[in-house]
PDB file of N, CA and C in Angstrom:
ATOM      1  N   UNK A   1     -65.042   8.687  26.306  1.00  0.00           N
ATOM      2  CA  UNK A   1     -65.673   7.615  25.179  1.00  0.00           C
ATOM      3  C   UNK A   1     -66.714   6.289  25.815  1.00  0.00           C
ATOM      4  N   UNK A   2     -67.445   6.721  24.909  1.00  0.00           N
ATOM      5  CA  UNK A   2     -68.491   5.665  25.167  1.00  0.00           C
ATOM      6  C   UNK A   2     -68.430   4.137  24.827  1.00  0.00           C
ATOM      7  N   UNK A   3     -69.536   3.307  24.765  1.00  0.00           N
ATOM      8  CA  UNK A   3     -69.178   2.116  25.550  1.00  0.00           C
ATOM      9  C   UNK A   3     -69.688   1.559  24.438  1.00  0.00           C
ATOM     10  N   UNK A   4     -68.676   0.171  24.036  1.00  0.00           N
ATOM     11  CA  UNK A   4     -69.165  -0.328  22.649  1.00  0.00           C
ATOM     12  C   UNK A   4     -70.142  -0.721  22.706  1.00  0.00           C
ATOM     13  N   UNK A   5     -71.577  -0.780  21.209  1.00  0.00           N
ATOM     14  CA  UNK A   5     -72.635  -1.894  21.030  1.00  0.00           C
ATOM     15  C   UNK A   5     -71.976  -2.582  20.438  1.00  0.00           C
ATOM     16  N   UNK A   6     -72.375  -3.997  21.780  1.00  0.00           N
ATOM     17  CA  UNK A   6     -72.358  -5.073  21.128  1.00  0.00           C
ATOM     18  C   UNK A   6     -73.035  -5.912  20.493  1.00  0.00           C
ATOM     19  N   UNK A   7     -72.798  -6.660  19.700  1.00  0.00           N
ATOM     20  CA  UNK A   7     -73.619  -7.582  18.843  1.00  0.00           C
ATOM     21  C   UNK A   7     -74.300  -8.339  19.084  1.00  0.00           C
ATOM     22  N   UNK A   8     -75.647  -8.847  18.808  1.00  0.00           N
ATOM     23  CA  UNK A   8     -76.690  -9.785  19.075  1.00  0.00           C
ATOM     24  C   UNK A   8     -76.477 -11.025  18.524  1.00  0.00           C
ATOM     25  N   UNK A   9     -75.860 -10.911  18.057  1.00  0.00           N
ATOM     26  CA  UNK A   9     -75.734 -12.431  17.497  1.00  0.00           C
ATOM     27  C   UNK A   9     -77.107 -13.248  16.496  1.00  0.00           C
ATOM     28  N   UNK A  10     -77.415 -11.664  15.574  1.00  0.00           N
ATOM     29  CA  UNK A  10     -77.751 -12.406  14.390  1.00  0.00           C
ATOM     30  C   UNK A  10     -79.622 -12.263  15.178  1.00  0.00           C
ATOM     31  N   UNK A  11     -79.753 -11.480  16.313  1.00  0.00           N
ATOM     32  CA  UNK A  11     -80.779 -10.898  17.316  1.00  0.00           C
ATOM     33  C   UNK A  11     -81.781  -9.260  16.912  1.00  0.00           C
ATOM     34  N   UNK A  12     -82.664  -8.919  16.690  1.00  0.00           N
ATOM     35  CA  UNK A  12     -83.175  -7.809  17.364  1.00  0.00           C
ATOM     36  C   UNK A  12     -82.601  -7.346  18.441  1.00  0.00           C
ATOM     37  N   UNK A  13     -82.943  -6.322  18.972  1.00  0.00           N
ATOM     38  CA  UNK A  13     -82.875  -5.793  20.637  1.00  0.00           C
ATOM     39  C   UNK A  13     -83.735  -6.197  21.272  1.00  0.00           C
ATOM     40  N   UNK A  14     -84.715  -6.830  21.048  1.00  0.00           N
ATOM     41  CA  UNK A  14     -85.567  -6.919  21.525  1.00  0.00           C
ATOM     42  C   UNK A  14     -85.000  -8.428  21.812  1.00  0.00           C
ATOM     43  N   UNK A  15     -84.440  -9.496  21.466  1.00  0.00           N
ATOM     44  CA  UNK A  15     -84.021 -11.132  22.197  1.00  0.00           C
ATOM     45  C   UNK A  15     -84.232 -11.742  20.033  1.00  0.00           C
ATOM     46  N   UNK A  16     -85.527 -11.832  19.693  1.00  0.00           N
ATOM     47  CA  UNK A  16     -85.657 -11.730  18.351  1.00  0.00           C
ATOM     48  C   UNK A  16     -85.481 -12.279  17.570  1.00  0.00           C
ATOM     49  N   UNK A  17     -84.749 -13.557  16.715  1.00  0.00           N
ATOM     50  CA  UNK A  17     -83.891 -13.968  15.697  1.00  0.00           C
ATOM     51  C   UNK A  17     -84.481 -12.761  14.112  1.00  0.00           C
ATOM     52  N   UNK A  18     -84.071 -12.349  13.424  1.00  0.00           N
ATOM     53  CA  UNK A  18     -84.310 -11.794  12.948  1.00  0.00           C
ATOM     54  C   UNK A  18     -84.526 -12.235  11.395  1.00  0.00           C
ATOM     55  N   UNK A  19     -83.781 -13.899  11.040  1.00  0.00           N
ATOM     56  CA  UNK A  19     -84.243 -15.020  10.273  1.00  0.00           C
ATOM     57  C   UNK A  19     -84.950 -15.684  10.911  1.00  0.00           C
ATOM     58  N   UNK A  20     -86.327 -16.958  10.170  1.00  0.00           N
ATOM     59  CA  UNK A  20     -86.283 -17.415  10.206  1.00  0.00           C
ATOM     60  C   UNK A  20     -85.554 -18.508  10.244  1.00  0.00           C
ATOM     61  N   UNK A  21     -85.163 -19.796  11.223  1.00  0.00           N
ATOM     62  CA  UNK A  21     -84.244 -20.310  11.406  1.00  0.00           C
ATOM     63  C   UNK A  21     -85.345 -22.109  11.857  1.00  0.00           C
ATOM     64  N   UNK A  22     -84.533 -23.145  10.865  1.00  0.00           N
ATOM     65  CA  UNK A  22     -85.659 -24.263  10.591  1.00  0.00           C
ATOM     66  C   UNK A  22     -84.993 -24.974   9.347  1.00  0.00           C
ATOM     67  N   UNK A  23     -85.273 -26.200   9.474  1.00  0.00           N
ATOM     68  CA  UNK A  23     -84.674 -27.371   8.424  1.00  0.00           C
ATOM     69  C   UNK A  23     -85.395 -27.395   7.625  1.00  0.00           C
ATOM     70  N   UNK A  24     -84.191 -27.077   6.469  1.00  0.00           N
ATOM     71  CA  UNK A  24     -85.192 -27.142   5.374  1.00  0.00           C
ATOM     72  C   UNK A  24     -85.276 -27.956   4.633  1.00  0.00           C
ATOM     73  N   UNK A  25     -84.765 -29.343   5.150  1.00  0.00           N
ATOM     74  CA  UNK A  25     -84.698 -30.271   4.350  1.00  0.00           C
ATOM     75  C   UNK A  25     -86.685 -30.633   4.693  1.00  0.00           C
ATOM     76  N   UNK A  26     -87.122 -31.071   6.076  1.00  0.00           N
ATOM     77  CA  UNK A  26     -88.089 -31.286   6.803  1.00  0.00           C
ATOM     78  C   UNK A  26     -89.420 -30.033   6.008  1.00  0.00           C
ATOM     79  N   UNK A  27     -88.985 -28.913   5.275  1.00  0.00           N
ATOM     80  CA  UNK A  27     -89.743 -28.075   5.147  1.00  0.00           C
ATOM     81  C   UNK A  27     -90.140 -28.580   3.953  1.00  0.00           C
ATOM     82  N   UNK A  28     -88.821 -28.666   3.062  1.00  0.00           N
ATOM     83  CA  UNK A  28     -89.180 -28.596   1.711  1.00  0.00           C
ATOM     84  C   UNK A  28     -89.548 -30.438   1.197  1.00  0.00           C
ATOM     85  N   UNK A  29     -89.335 -31.198   2.357  1.00  0.00           N
ATOM     86  CA  UNK A  29     -90.284 -32.997   2.505  1.00  0.00           C
ATOM     87  C   UNK A  29     -91.604 -32.510   2.599  1.00  0.00           C
ATOM     88  N   UNK A  30     -92.043 -31.086   3.070  1.00  0.00           N
ATOM     89  CA  UNK A  30     -93.964 -31.169   3.288  1.00  0.00           C
ATOM     90  C   UNK A  30     -94.065 -30.583   1.504  1.00  0.00           C
ATOM     91  N   UNK A  31     -95.629 -30.936   1.173  1.00  0.00           N
ATOM     92  CA  UNK A  31     -96.037 -30.935  -0.437  1.00  0.00           C
ATOM     93  C   UNK A  31     -96.267 -29.609  -0.512  1.00  0.00           C
ATOM     94  N   UNK A  32     -96.191 -28.301   1.074  1.00  0.00           N
ATOM     95  CA  UNK A  32     -96.581 -27.391   0.212  1.00  0.00           C
ATOM     96  C   UNK A  32     -95.277 -26.497   1.258  1.00  0.00           C
ATOM     97  N   UNK A  33     -94.167 -26.757   1.192  1.00  0.00           N
ATOM     98  CA  UNK A  33     -93.005 -26.765   2.056  1.00  0.00           C
ATOM     99  C   UNK A  33     -92.832 -25.666   1.430  1.00  0.00           C
ATOM    100  N   UNK A  34     -92.372 -26.022   0.066  1.00  0.00           N
ATOM    101  CA  UNK A  34     -91.376 -24.731  -1.088  1.00  0.00           C
ATOM    102  C   UNK A  34     -92.097 -23.778  -1.286  1.00  0.00           C
ATOM    103  N   UNK A  35     -93.555 -23.565  -1.206  1.00  0.00           N
ATOM    104  CA  UNK A  35     -94.131 -22.652  -0.845  1.00  0.00           C
ATOM    105  C   UNK A  35     -93.996 -22.007   0.062  1.00  0.00           C
ATOM    106  N   UNK A  36     -94.480 -22.701   1.112  1.00  0.00           N
ATOM    107  CA  UNK A  36     -93.494 -21.676   2.413  1.00  0.00           C
ATOM    108  C   UNK A  36     -92.144 -20.951   2.640  1.00  0.00           C
ATOM    109  N   UNK A  37     -91.059 -22.423   2.362  1.00  0.00           N
ATOM    110  CA  UNK A  37     -90.140 -21.159   1.918  1.00  0.00           C
ATOM    111  C   UNK A  37     -89.977 -19.891   1.022  1.00  0.00           C
ATOM    112  N   UNK A  38     -90.401 -20.229   0.458  1.00  0.00           N
ATOM    113  CA  UNK A  38     -90.832 -18.887  -1.119  1.00  0.00           C
ATOM    114  C   UNK A  38     -91.027 -17.602  -0.268  1.00  0.00           C
ATOM    115  N   UNK A  39     -92.296 -17.758   0.893  1.00  0.00           N
ATOM    116  CA  UNK A  39     -93.023 -16.924   0.852  1.00  0.00           C
ATOM    117  C   UNK A  39     -91.992 -16.236   2.510  1.00  0.00           C
ATOM    118  N   UNK A  40     -91.489 -17.165   3.152  1.00  0.00           N
ATOM    119  CA  UNK A  40     -90.509 -16.376   4.305  1.00  0.00           C
ATOM    120  C   UNK A  40     -89.649 -15.615   3.594  1.00  0.00           C
ATOM    121  N   UNK A  41     -89.076 -16.185   2.360  1.00  0.00           N
ATOM    122  CA  UNK A  41     -87.866 -15.598   2.028  1.00  0.00           C
ATOM    123  C   UNK A  41     -88.522 -14.348   1.293  1.00  0.00           C
ATOM    124  N   UNK A  42     -89.928 -13.933   1.021  1.00  0.00           N
ATOM    125  CA  UNK A  42     -90.112 -12.776   0.303  1.00  0.00           C
ATOM    126  C   UNK A  42     -90.333 -12.076   1.656  1.00  0.00           C
ATOM    127  N   UNK A  43     -90.947 -12.653   2.718  1.00  0.00           N
ATOM    128  CA  UNK A  43     -91.807 -11.579   3.614  1.00  0.00           C
ATOM    129  C   UNK A  43     -90.184 -11.109   4.896  1.00  0.00           C
ATOM    130  N   UNK A  44     -89.449 -11.957   5.161  1.00  0.00           N
ATOM    131  CA  UNK A  44     -88.552 -11.542   5.688  1.00  0.00           C
ATOM    132  C   UNK A  44     -86.492 -11.875   5.361  1.00  0.00           C
ATOM    133  N   UNK A  45     -86.698 -12.427   3.652  1.00  0.00           N
ATOM    134  CA  UNK A  45     -85.094 -12.274   2.822  1.00  0.00           C
ATOM    135  C   UNK A  45     -83.961 -13.425   3.023  1.00  0.00           C
ATOM    136  N   UNK A  46     -85.130 -14.127   4.483  1.00  0.00           N
ATOM    137  CA  UNK A  46     -84.259 -15.321   4.258  1.00  0.00           C
ATOM    138  C   UNK A  46     -84.849 -16.464   5.301  1.00  0.00           C
ATOM    139  N   UNK A  47     -83.874 -17.956   4.851  1.00  0.00           N
ATOM    140  CA  UNK A  47     -84.632 -18.507   6.465  1.00  0.00           C
ATOM    141  C   UNK A  47     -82.821 -19.331   6.332  1.00  0.00           C
ATOM    142  N   UNK A  48     -82.445 -19.729   7.526  1.00  0.00           N
ATOM    143  CA  UNK A  48     -81.244 -19.763   8.429  1.00  0.00           C
ATOM    144  C   UNK A  48     -81.670 -21.671   8.400  1.00  0.00           C
ATOM    145  N   UNK A  49     -80.862 -21.759   7.491  1.00  0.00           N
ATOM    146  CA  UNK A  49     -80.766 -23.420   7.430  1.00  0.00           C
ATOM    147  C   UNK A  49     -80.146 -24.085   8.992  1.00  0.00           C
ATOM    148  N   UNK A  50     -80.966 -24.659   9.865  1.00  0.00           N
ATOM    149  CA  UNK A  50     -80.016 -25.473  11.136  1.00  0.00           C
ATOM    150  C   UNK A  50     -79.777 -26.751  10.875  1.00  0.00           C
ATOM    151  N   UNK A  51     -80.627 -27.382   9.800  1.00  0.00           N
ATOM    152  CA  UNK A  51     -80.285 -29.175   9.650  1.00  0.00           C
ATOM    153  C   UNK A  51     -79.289 -29.778   9.005  1.00  0.00           C
ATOM    154  N   UNK A  52     -78.954 -31.035   9.784  1.00  0.00           N
ATOM    155  CA  UNK A  52     -77.927 -31.955   9.664  1.00  0.00           C
ATOM    156  C   UNK A  52     -77.063 -31.270   8.647  1.00  0.00           C
ATOM    157  N   UNK A  53     -77.524 -30.791   7.420  1.00  0.00           N
ATOM    158  CA  UNK A  53     -76.695 -30.803   6.004  1.00  0.00           C
ATOM    159  C   UNK A  53     -76.456 -29.415   5.813  1.00  0.00           C
ATOM    160  N   UNK A  54     -77.130 -28.732   7.032  1.00  0.00           N
ATOM    161  CA  UNK A  54     -76.680 -26.876   6.373  1.00  0.00           C
ATOM    162  C   UNK A  54     -74.796 -26.926   5.742  1.00  0.00           C
ATOM    163  N   UNK A  55     -74.394 -27.355   6.942  1.00  0.00           N
ATOM    164  CA  UNK A  55     -72.410 -27.293   6.656  1.00  0.00           C
ATOM    165  C   UNK A  55     -72.349 -27.758   5.521  1.00  0.00           C
ATOM    166  N   UNK A  56     -72.500 -28.916   4.943  1.00  0.00           N
ATOM    167  CA  UNK A  56     -71.831 -29.116   3.502  1.00  0.00           C
ATOM    168  C   UNK A  56     -72.561 -28.482   2.272  1.00  0.00           C
ATOM    169  N   UNK A  57     -73.752 -28.215   2.258  1.00  0.00           N
ATOM    170  CA  UNK A  57     -74.999 -27.075   1.023  1.00  0.00           C
ATOM    171  C   UNK A  57     -73.906 -26.032   1.190  1.00  0.00           C
ATOM    172  N   UNK A  58     -73.236 -25.087   2.495  1.00  0.00           N
ATOM    173  CA  UNK A  58     -72.687 -23.860   2.378  1.00  0.00           C
ATOM    174  C   UNK A  58     -70.945 -23.617   2.074  1.00  0.00           C
ATOM    175  N   UNK A  59     -70.642 -25.419   2.155  1.00  0.00           N
ATOM    176  CA  UNK A  59     -69.494 -25.648   1.656  1.00  0.00           C
ATOM    177  C   UNK A  59     -69.426 -26.345  -0.497  1.00  0.00           C
ATOM    178  N   UNK A  60     -70.990 -26.652  -0.917  1.00  0.00           N
ATOM    179  CA  UNK A  60     -70.732 -26.825  -1.788  1.00  0.00           C
ATOM    180  C   UNK A  60     -71.355 -25.543  -1.905  1.00  0.00           C
ATOM    181  N   UNK A  61     -71.874 -24.634  -1.649  1.00  0.00           N
ATOM    182  CA  UNK A  61     -71.885 -23.286  -2.281  1.00  0.00           C
ATOM    183  C   UNK A  61     -70.782 -22.737  -2.899  1.00  0.00           C
ATOM    184  N   UNK A  62     -69.404 -22.640  -1.546  1.00  0.00           N
ATOM    185  CA  UNK A  62     -68.582 -21.879  -2.006  1.00  0.00           C
ATOM    186  C   UNK A  62     -68.172 -23.218  -2.540  1.00  0.00           C
ATOM    187  N   UNK A  63     -67.967 -23.693  -3.036  1.00  0.00           N
ATOM    188  CA  UNK A  63     -66.945 -24.885  -4.020  1.00  0.00           C
ATOM    189  C   UNK A  63     -67.381 -23.984  -5.100  1.00  0.00           C
ATOM    190  N   UNK A  64     -68.408 -23.826  -5.628  1.00  0.00           N
ATOM    191  CA  UNK A  64     -69.234 -23.339  -6.990  1.00  0.00           C
ATOM    192  C   UNK A  64     -68.965 -22.005  -6.748  1.00  0.00           C
ATOM    193  N   UNK A  65     -69.249 -21.617  -5.896  1.00  0.00           N
ATOM    194  CA  UNK A  65     -68.387 -19.902  -6.500  1.00  0.00           C
ATOM    195  C   UNK A  65     -66.563 -19.869  -6.709  1.00  0.00           C
ATOM    196  N   UNK A  66     -66.004 -20.320  -6.499  1.00  0.00           N
ATOM    197  CA  UNK A  66     -64.556 -20.470  -6.671  1.00  0.00           C
ATOM    198  C   UNK A  66     -64.817 -21.133  -8.145  1.00  0.00           C
ATOM    199  N   UNK A  67     -65.258 -22.192  -8.543  1.00  0.00           N
ATOM    200  CA  UNK A  67     -65.304 -22.428  -9.412  1.00  0.00           C
ATOM    201  C   UNK A  67     -66.085 -22.107 -11.006  1.00  0.00           C
ATOM    202  N   UNK A  68     -66.893 -20.603 -10.383  1.00  0.00           N
ATOM    203  CA  UNK A  68     -67.307 -19.568 -11.670  1.00  0.00           C
ATOM    204  C   UNK A  68     -66.338 -18.882 -11.441  1.00  0.00           C
ATOM    205  N   UNK A  69     -65.517 -17.944  -9.783  1.00  0.00           N
ATOM    206  CA  UNK A  69     -64.368 -17.169 -10.214  1.00  0.00           C
ATOM    207  C   UNK A  69     -63.181 -17.330 -11.172  1.00  0.00           C
ATOM    208  N   UNK A  70     -63.387 -18.555 -11.474  1.00  0.00           N
ATOM    209  CA  UNK A  70     -62.038 -19.723 -12.627  1.00  0.00           C
ATOM    210  C   UNK A  70     -61.915 -19.386 -13.285  1.00  0.00           C
ATOM    211  N   UNK A  71     -63.355 -20.139 -13.605  1.00  0.00           N
ATOM    212  CA  UNK A  71     -64.243 -19.185 -15.416  1.00  0.00           C
ATOM    213  C   UNK A  71     -64.155 -18.072 -15.693  1.00  0.00           C
ATOM    214  N   UNK A  72     -64.620 -17.353 -14.703  1.00  0.00           N
ATOM    215  CA  UNK A  72     -65.011 -15.917 -15.356  1.00  0.00           C
ATOM    216  C   UNK A  72     -63.363 -15.327 -15.919  1.00  0.00           C
ATOM    217  N   UNK A  73     -62.210 -16.096 -14.166  1.00  0.00           N
ATOM    218  CA  UNK A  73     -60.852 -15.245 -14.582  1.00  0.00           C
ATOM    219  C   UNK A  73     -60.152 -15.655 -15.816  1.00  0.00           C
ATOM    220  N   UNK A  74     -60.807 -16.638 -16.664  1.00  0.00           N
ATOM    221  CA  UNK A  74     -60.180 -17.958 -17.830  1.00  0.00           C
ATOM    222  C   UNK A  74     -60.452 -17.255 -19.045  1.00  0.00           C
ATOM    223  N   UNK A  75     -61.696 -17.019 -19.150  1.00  0.00           N
ATOM    224  CA  UNK A  75     -62.344 -16.082 -20.586  1.00  0.00           C
ATOM    225  C   UNK A  75     -62.265 -14.844 -20.161  1.00  0.00           C
ATOM    226  N   UNK A  76     -61.830 -14.424 -19.295  1.00  0.00           N
ATOM    227  CA  UNK A  76     -61.354 -12.656 -19.487  1.00  0.00           C
ATOM    228  C   UNK A  76     -59.524 -12.438 -20.036  1.00  0.00           C
ATOM    229  N   UNK A  77     -59.071 -13.942 -19.779  1.00  0.00           N
ATOM    230  CA  UNK A  77     -57.472 -13.733 -19.768  1.00  0.00           C
ATOM    231  C   UNK A  77     -56.616 -13.614 -18.598  1.00  0.00           C
ATOM    232  N   UNK A  78     -57.655 -13.498 -17.912  1.00  0.00           N
ATOM    233  CA  UNK A  78     -56.712 -13.716 -15.903  1.00  0.00           C
ATOM    234  C   UNK A  78     -56.124 -14.846 -15.594  1.00  0.00           C
ATOM    235  N   UNK A  79     -55.659 -15.359 -15.874  1.00  0.00           N
ATOM    236  CA  UNK A  79     -55.791 -17.382 -16.111  1.00  0.00           C
ATOM    237  C   UNK A  79     -54.293 -17.209 -14.488  1.00  0.00           C
ATOM    238  N   UNK A  80     -55.028 -17.750 -13.444  1.00  0.00           N
ATOM    239  CA  UNK A  80     -54.321 -17.972 -12.127  1.00  0.00           C
ATOM    240  C   UNK A  80     -53.627 -19.298 -12.503  1.00  0.00           C
ATOM    241  N   UNK A  81     -52.425 -19.525 -12.041  1.00  0.00           N
ATOM    242  CA  UNK A  81     -51.220 -20.177 -11.615  1.00  0.00           C
ATOM    243  C   UNK A  81     -52.288 -21.360 -10.956  1.00  0.00           C
ATOM    244  N   UNK A  82     -51.800 -22.621 -11.129  1.00  0.00           N
ATOM    245  CA  UNK A  82     -52.999 -23.899 -10.430  1.00  0.00           C
ATOM    246  C   UNK A  82     -51.884 -24.319  -9.542  1.00  0.00           C
TER     247      UNK A  82
END
């Protein structure tokens, strides 16, 4: 039986991270920051937010997803129990 390949915790095989890690608030505070973030997303696919507010943004996005699911279900007549 072959040995299981373990994950690299978001890193390539050579040890570098797959996506750029940065504090998005600091990047957007810079006058050219939005353009840099857009370029990073266009070239690399993503920017991982490692700032202090990263968890609050993820929670907000999760809430918006749940709200969207509820609204779609309501429009399609598949109302859920409250």
